[in-house]
Amino acid sequence: MKKYVRPALYSAMLATMMAVFVSPGTAQQPAPQAAPPAPPAEGGRGRGPSGPPQPTPRLADGSPNLGRVAGEKGVWNVPYITNMGERIVEADGTTVMERRPAMGRGRRGGAPEGPLGGGEGSFGGGRGGAKSEPQVPFQPWAAAVYDYNSKNQSKYDPEGYCLPPGGPRMMATPYPMEIIQLPEQKRILMMFEGAAHIWREIYMDGRPHPQGDDLNPTYLGHSVGHWEGDTLVVDVVGFNEATWIDYFGHPHTDMLHVVEKFSRPNKNLLHFEATFDDPGAYTKPFTVRWDIPWNAKGELTEYICQENNKYLLRLTDDYGQPLFGGKKQ
């Protein structure tokens, strides 16, 4: 098996109290200088084989290159962020995970240690429901839904059944991701290896979001972006309600509006922030953040989540023969 957590397997195994595979850890790194002061977060330290951090690569027009340099390999090693409630930036400028110095150290993305214990994403790391997360501005119904998802250990996680992660969860599911900038076409593509093997298009031509019936709700929403200095700011609306915000099961509605910020303070580090504004589920907006390390030797490979979809394997034709997965003996 590849050295990445498979969401379909992970959700099913958690639901049945079985072991999961997690990838080897990488050391955590300090938050980039562009972010508010914070204790160390995940990822590499932005250094090359030796010496100081390598500078941010740039395109011909001077804007930061958020992807590969010509002639090189490389992908972003997206960490495993199971509970975004622990990544909310609070009044003191820190997050729960940043204030927890011993939690998640030495493990990629704070993934659980061992089959079910220790670290973010385990049963001990925040599965107390809404009452254990006062920093999350739940509306009462959203708190009740979150409590339900907590009690059944995320048994009905849509991503666990091979549906797309949706929204910023794409930046929190541990599969490699690649960013391709097309300045001459005024758009940016993000290709994500995991889940439904999806891609995302960010329009950079100044267009507005579609309005009314023209805004068709989708898993990843409609994204328009622009540069603010060296930071890519992406405004996203038009989400459907078929996803969760994270594995732990924070809900959202189709009123969700997300503003993401991507910055690359050095070659080996991508800083990610996302502000959620969903007046249908939460009483006020909130912002989450984490860092994503660069894997200079990585490339995207084919991974089809539907191969783990047991429902499809049980489907039969009019003669009782499986439609997928081979013939009955």
Protein backbone atom coordinates (compact mmCIF):
# COMPACT_ATOMS: atom_id res chain seq x y z
CA MET A 1 0.00 0.00 0.00
CA LYS A 2 1.19 3.52 -0.70
CA LYS A 3 2.48 5.47 2.25
CA TYR A 4 -0.59 7.63 2.52
CA VAL A 5 -3.73 7.13 4.58
CA ARG A 6 -6.61 5.92 2.40
CA PRO A 7 -9.72 7.82 3.50
CA ALA A 8 -12.11 5.10 2.33
CA LEU A 9 -10.27 2.44 4.30
CA TYR A 10 -9.62 4.73 7.25
CA SER A 11 -13.27 5.63 7.81
CA ALA A 12 -14.44 2.06 7.45
CA MET A 13 -11.76 0.75 9.78
CA LEU A 14 -12.45 3.34 12.42
CA ALA A 15 -16.11 2.45 12.30
CA THR A 16 -15.31 -1.24 12.92
CA MET A 17 -12.51 -0.61 15.44
CA MET A 18 -9.86 -2.04 13.13
CA ALA A 19 -6.29 -0.85 12.63
CA VAL A 20 -5.28 1.73 10.08
CA PHE A 21 -2.04 2.44 8.28
CA VAL A 22 -0.37 5.81 8.71
CA SER A 23 2.62 7.15 6.88
CA PRO A 24 6.01 7.72 8.45
CA GLY A 25 6.39 10.98 10.29
CA THR A 26 8.25 14.08 9.36
CA ALA A 27 9.50 16.68 11.78
CA GLN A 28 7.39 19.73 12.39
CA GLN A 29 8.45 23.20 11.35
CA PRO A 30 7.86 26.71 12.64
CA ALA A 31 5.01 28.68 11.11
CA PRO A 32 6.23 30.89 8.23
CA GLN A 33 7.13 34.49 8.94
CA ALA A 34 4.07 35.73 7.09
CA ALA A 35 1.78 34.00 9.59
CA PRO A 36 0.99 35.25 13.11
CA PRO A 37 3.49 34.11 15.76
CA ALA A 38 2.80 30.52 16.71
CA PRO A 39 4.52 27.42 18.08
CA PRO A 40 5.81 24.86 15.57
CA ALA A 41 3.41 23.19 13.18
CA GLU A 42 3.77 20.27 10.77
CA GLY A 43 6.09 19.75 7.88
CA GLY A 44 9.71 20.29 6.91
CA ARG A 45 11.76 23.30 7.90
CA GLY A 46 12.06 24.79 4.44
CA ARG A 47 15.71 23.86 4.14
CA GLY A 48 17.56 22.17 1.35
CA PRO A 49 20.15 19.43 1.91
CA SER A 50 22.12 21.92 3.99
CA GLY A 51 22.32 25.61 4.72
CA PRO A 52 19.61 28.26 5.08
CA PRO A 53 16.09 27.99 3.63
CA GLN A 54 15.97 28.04 -0.15
CA PRO A 55 14.23 31.10 -1.62
CA THR A 56 10.72 31.07 -2.98
CA PRO A 57 10.76 30.14 -6.69
CA ARG A 58 9.10 32.68 -8.96
CA LEU A 59 7.52 32.81 -12.39
CA ALA A 60 8.66 35.12 -15.18
CA ASP A 61 6.20 37.81 -14.09
CA GLY A 62 7.67 37.81 -10.57
CA SER A 63 4.75 36.08 -8.85
CA PRO A 64 5.55 33.16 -6.52
CA ASN A 65 5.69 29.77 -8.21
CA LEU A 66 3.48 27.55 -6.04
CA GLY A 67 4.46 24.42 -7.96
CA ARG A 68 7.48 22.81 -9.55
CA VAL A 69 10.49 24.51 -11.01
CA ALA A 70 11.14 23.50 -14.63
CA GLY A 71 13.16 20.32 -14.84
CA GLU A 72 12.42 19.23 -11.27
CA LYS A 73 9.99 16.87 -9.61
CA GLY A 74 7.96 17.72 -6.54
CA VAL A 75 4.52 17.65 -4.90
CA TRP A 76 2.98 19.07 -1.76
CA ASN A 77 2.70 16.46 1.01
CA VAL A 78 -0.75 17.41 2.33
CA PRO A 79 -0.97 16.60 6.06
CA TYR A 80 -3.75 14.72 7.81
CA ILE A 81 -5.91 17.33 9.57
CA THR A 82 -8.77 15.32 11.06
CA ASN A 83 -10.27 18.01 13.31
CA MET A 84 -10.29 21.57 12.00
CA GLY A 85 -11.83 22.71 15.28
CA GLU A 86 -8.35 22.29 16.74
CA ARG A 87 -6.91 24.51 13.98
CA ILE A 88 -9.15 27.53 14.60
CA VAL A 89 -7.16 30.70 15.29
CA GLU A 90 -8.47 32.00 18.62
CA ALA A 91 -8.40 35.41 20.26
CA ASP A 92 -4.81 34.99 21.47
CA GLY A 93 -3.62 34.28 17.91
CA THR A 94 -2.94 30.57 18.48
CA THR A 95 -4.73 27.30 17.82
CA VAL A 96 -5.39 24.31 20.07
CA MET A 97 -2.83 22.22 18.16
CA GLU A 98 -0.19 24.95 18.44
CA ARG A 99 -0.72 25.10 22.20
CA ARG A 100 -0.32 21.34 22.49
CA PRO A 101 3.47 20.96 22.14
CA ALA A 102 3.65 17.20 22.60
CA MET A 103 0.72 16.30 20.37
CA GLY A 104 1.41 14.98 16.91
CA ARG A 105 5.18 15.51 17.07
CA GLY A 106 7.15 13.17 14.90
CA ARG A 107 4.12 12.04 12.90
CA ARG A 108 3.11 13.33 9.50
CA GLY A 109 0.22 15.75 9.84
CA GLY A 110 -0.47 14.75 13.45
CA ALA A 111 -1.82 11.37 12.29
CA PRO A 112 -2.63 8.84 14.99
CA GLU A 113 0.09 6.73 16.57
CA GLY A 114 -0.58 3.04 16.17
CA PRO A 115 -3.96 1.54 15.29
CA LEU A 116 -6.27 3.81 17.27
CA GLY A 117 -4.37 5.70 19.93
CA GLY A 118 -2.63 9.00 20.50
CA GLY A 119 -2.40 12.19 18.50
CA GLU A 120 -4.84 14.15 16.41
CA GLY A 121 -7.49 11.97 14.84
CA SER A 122 -7.58 9.37 17.60
CA PHE A 123 -10.46 8.75 19.96
CA GLY A 124 -8.70 10.81 22.62
CA GLY A 125 -7.97 13.86 20.48
CA GLY A 126 -11.20 15.79 20.69
CA ARG A 127 -14.01 13.23 20.24
CA GLY A 128 -15.93 14.84 23.10
CA GLY A 129 -18.32 16.52 20.68
CA ALA A 130 -19.35 20.17 20.60
CA LYS A 131 -18.95 20.73 24.35
CA SER A 132 -15.22 19.95 24.05
CA GLU A 133 -14.74 22.65 21.38
CA PRO A 134 -15.89 25.99 22.77
CA GLN A 135 -13.80 27.73 20.09
CA VAL A 136 -16.18 26.46 17.38
CA PRO A 137 -19.17 28.85 17.00
CA PHE A 138 -21.80 26.15 16.45
CA GLN A 139 -25.45 26.87 15.90
CA PRO A 140 -27.51 24.42 18.02
CA TRP A 141 -28.47 22.13 15.14
CA ALA A 142 -24.87 22.00 13.88
CA ALA A 143 -23.65 21.11 17.37
CA ALA A 144 -26.19 18.27 17.50
CA VAL A 145 -25.03 16.91 14.13
CA TYR A 146 -21.42 17.13 15.26
CA ASP A 147 -22.25 15.29 18.50
CA TYR A 148 -23.87 12.52 16.45
CA ASN A 149 -20.83 12.19 14.20
CA SER A 150 -18.59 12.12 17.27
CA LYS A 151 -20.60 9.37 18.99
CA ASN A 152 -20.57 7.07 15.97
CA GLN A 153 -16.86 7.73 15.27
CA SER A 154 -17.54 9.32 11.86
CA LYS A 155 -19.12 6.13 10.54
CA TYR A 156 -20.93 8.02 7.77
CA ASP A 157 -18.10 10.24 6.56
CA PRO A 158 -18.84 10.90 2.86
CA GLU A 159 -15.15 10.92 1.94
CA GLY A 160 -14.87 7.47 3.50
CA TYR A 161 -17.20 6.26 0.75
CA CYS A 162 -15.02 7.70 -2.03
CA LEU A 163 -16.84 11.00 -2.47
CA PRO A 164 -14.68 14.13 -2.98
CA PRO A 165 -13.35 15.84 0.17
CA GLY A 166 -14.89 19.21 -0.66
CA GLY A 167 -13.64 22.70 0.15
CA PRO A 168 -10.49 23.14 2.24
CA ARG A 169 -10.65 19.49 3.30
CA MET A 170 -8.78 18.80 0.07
CA MET A 171 -5.84 20.52 1.80
CA ALA A 172 -6.27 18.29 4.88
CA THR A 173 -6.52 14.78 3.39
CA PRO A 174 -3.08 13.13 3.25
CA TYR A 175 -2.45 12.63 -0.44
CA PRO A 176 0.03 14.56 -2.59
CA MET A 177 -1.20 17.66 -4.37
CA GLU A 178 0.25 19.64 -7.24
CA ILE A 179 -0.33 23.29 -8.19
CA ILE A 180 0.02 24.33 -11.83
CA GLN A 181 -0.07 28.05 -12.68
CA LEU A 182 -1.11 29.13 -16.17
CA PRO A 183 -0.66 32.92 -16.13
CA GLU A 184 -1.18 33.26 -19.88
CA GLN A 185 -4.58 31.58 -19.46
CA LYS A 186 -5.29 33.43 -16.20
CA ARG A 187 -6.09 30.33 -14.21
CA ILE A 188 -4.51 27.98 -11.67
CA LEU A 189 -5.06 24.23 -11.46
CA MET A 190 -4.76 22.11 -8.33
CA MET A 191 -4.49 18.36 -8.90
CA PHE A 192 -5.17 16.09 -5.95
CA GLU A 193 -4.20 12.43 -6.03
CA GLY A 194 -6.56 11.16 -3.34
CA ALA A 195 -10.27 10.66 -2.76
CA ALA A 196 -12.01 10.85 -6.15
CA HIS A 197 -8.75 11.74 -7.97
CA ILE A 198 -9.96 15.29 -8.49
CA TRP A 199 -8.74 18.58 -9.85
CA ARG A 200 -9.69 22.13 -9.06
CA GLU A 201 -9.73 25.22 -11.29
CA ILE A 202 -9.16 28.72 -9.90
CA TYR A 203 -10.09 31.55 -12.24
CA MET A 204 -7.64 34.46 -12.18
CA ASP A 205 -9.27 36.62 -14.87
CA GLY A 206 -11.29 38.83 -12.52
CA ARG A 207 -14.65 37.21 -13.24
CA PRO A 208 -17.37 37.34 -10.57
CA HIS A 209 -19.07 34.28 -9.12
CA PRO A 210 -22.18 33.12 -10.98
CA GLN A 211 -25.39 34.36 -9.44
CA GLY A 212 -28.74 32.71 -8.72
CA ASP A 213 -29.53 29.57 -10.67
CA ASP A 214 -26.30 29.97 -12.64
CA LEU A 215 -24.31 29.01 -9.51
CA ASN A 216 -24.44 25.23 -9.61
CA PRO A 217 -23.49 23.77 -6.19
CA THR A 218 -20.53 21.37 -6.42
CA TYR A 219 -18.18 19.51 -4.08
CA LEU A 220 -15.33 22.01 -4.45
CA GLY A 221 -17.35 25.13 -5.19
CA HIS A 222 -16.62 27.96 -7.64
CA SER A 223 -13.19 29.54 -7.10
CA VAL A 224 -11.92 32.96 -8.18
CA GLY A 225 -8.49 34.17 -7.15
CA HIS A 226 -6.14 37.13 -7.11
CA TRP A 227 -2.73 38.02 -5.73
CA GLU A 228 -2.27 40.21 -2.68
CA GLY A 229 1.48 40.73 -2.72
CA ASP A 230 2.97 37.22 -2.57
CA THR A 231 -0.23 35.63 -1.24
CA LEU A 232 -2.75 33.89 -3.47
CA VAL A 233 -6.24 34.72 -2.17
CA VAL A 234 -9.05 32.44 -3.39
CA ASP A 235 -12.73 33.22 -2.84
CA VAL A 236 -15.00 30.16 -3.01
CA VAL A 237 -18.80 29.83 -2.99
CA GLY A 238 -21.31 27.36 -4.41
CA PHE A 239 -20.68 24.31 -2.23
CA ASN A 240 -23.17 21.47 -2.13
CA GLU A 241 -24.08 19.86 1.21
CA ALA A 242 -22.72 16.40 0.39
CA THR A 243 -19.45 16.85 2.30
CA TRP A 244 -18.16 17.40 5.83
CA ILE A 245 -15.69 20.14 6.73
CA ASP A 246 -13.34 17.50 8.16
CA TYR A 247 -13.11 13.84 9.14
CA PHE A 248 -14.44 14.54 12.65
CA GLY A 249 -17.71 15.67 11.08
CA HIS A 250 -18.13 19.44 11.42
CA PRO A 251 -21.13 20.13 9.16
CA HIS A 252 -21.78 22.96 6.72
CA THR A 253 -24.60 24.22 4.51
CA ASP A 254 -24.77 25.46 0.93
CA MET A 255 -24.44 28.99 2.34
CA LEU A 256 -20.76 28.30 3.03
CA HIS A 257 -18.34 30.97 1.80
CA VAL A 258 -14.61 30.25 2.10
CA VAL A 259 -11.64 32.57 1.60
CA GLU A 260 -8.33 30.72 1.29
CA LYS A 261 -4.80 32.14 1.42
CA PHE A 262 -1.78 30.34 -0.01
CA SER A 263 1.76 31.62 0.52
CA ARG A 264 5.18 30.09 -0.08
CA PRO A 265 7.68 31.77 2.25
CA ASN A 266 10.45 29.48 1.01
CA LYS A 267 10.82 26.65 -1.49
CA ASN A 268 9.92 23.84 0.89
CA LEU A 269 6.89 25.29 2.66
CA LEU A 270 3.34 26.21 1.73
CA HIS A 271 1.33 28.11 4.34
CA PHE A 272 -2.43 27.60 4.13
CA GLU A 273 -5.24 29.56 5.79
CA ALA A 274 -8.99 29.30 5.26
CA THR A 275 -11.78 31.46 6.68
CA PHE A 276 -15.17 29.76 6.88
CA ASP A 277 -18.30 31.90 6.83
CA ASP A 278 -21.44 29.77 6.97
CA PRO A 279 -24.40 31.60 8.53
CA GLY A 280 -26.46 28.46 8.03
CA ALA A 281 -24.42 26.41 10.53
CA TYR A 282 -22.23 28.78 12.60
CA THR A 283 -22.83 32.00 14.49
CA LYS A 284 -19.73 33.78 13.13
CA PRO A 285 -16.81 33.19 10.75
CA PHE A 286 -13.68 31.35 11.88
CA THR A 287 -10.20 30.83 10.42
CA VAL A 288 -8.04 27.71 10.37
CA ARG A 289 -4.40 27.34 9.34
CA TRP A 290 -1.57 24.85 8.91
CA ASP A 291 1.62 24.32 6.91
CA ILE A 292 2.25 21.89 4.06
CA PRO A 293 5.77 20.54 3.34
CA TRP A 294 7.27 20.13 -0.11
CA ASN A 295 8.36 16.68 -1.29
CA ALA A 296 11.09 17.37 -3.84
CA LYS A 297 11.15 13.78 -5.13
CA GLY A 298 7.41 13.13 -5.34
CA GLU A 299 5.11 12.81 -8.33
CA LEU A 300 1.39 12.14 -8.60
CA THR A 301 0.35 8.57 -9.28
CA GLU A 302 -3.01 7.06 -10.17
CA TYR A 303 -5.18 6.16 -7.21
CA ILE A 304 -8.83 5.32 -7.76
CA CYS A 305 -10.82 5.40 -4.52
CA GLN A 306 -13.78 3.60 -6.13
CA GLU A 307 -11.73 0.41 -6.06
CA ASN A 308 -12.41 0.41 -2.30
CA ASN A 309 -16.15 0.99 -2.68
CA LYS A 310 -17.69 -2.21 -1.33
CA TYR A 311 -21.14 -1.15 -2.51
CA LEU A 312 -20.01 -1.32 -6.14
CA LEU A 313 -18.47 -4.73 -5.55
CA ARG A 314 -21.85 -6.04 -4.38
CA LEU A 315 -23.77 -4.82 -7.44
CA THR A 316 -25.00 -7.60 -9.73
CA ASP A 317 -26.57 -7.74 -13.18
CA ASP A 318 -29.85 -9.41 -14.20
CA TYR A 319 -28.14 -12.81 -14.08
CA GLY A 320 -26.75 -12.36 -10.58
CA GLN A 321 -23.20 -11.81 -11.78
CA PRO A 322 -21.05 -9.02 -10.27
CA LEU A 323 -20.83 -5.90 -12.42
CA PHE A 324 -17.41 -5.14 -10.92
CA GLY A 325 -14.76 -7.20 -9.20
CA GLY A 326 -14.87 -10.42 -11.22
CA LYS A 327 -17.31 -13.25 -11.79
CA LYS A 328 -18.91 -15.53 -9.23
CA GLN A 329 -17.56 -19.06 -9.15
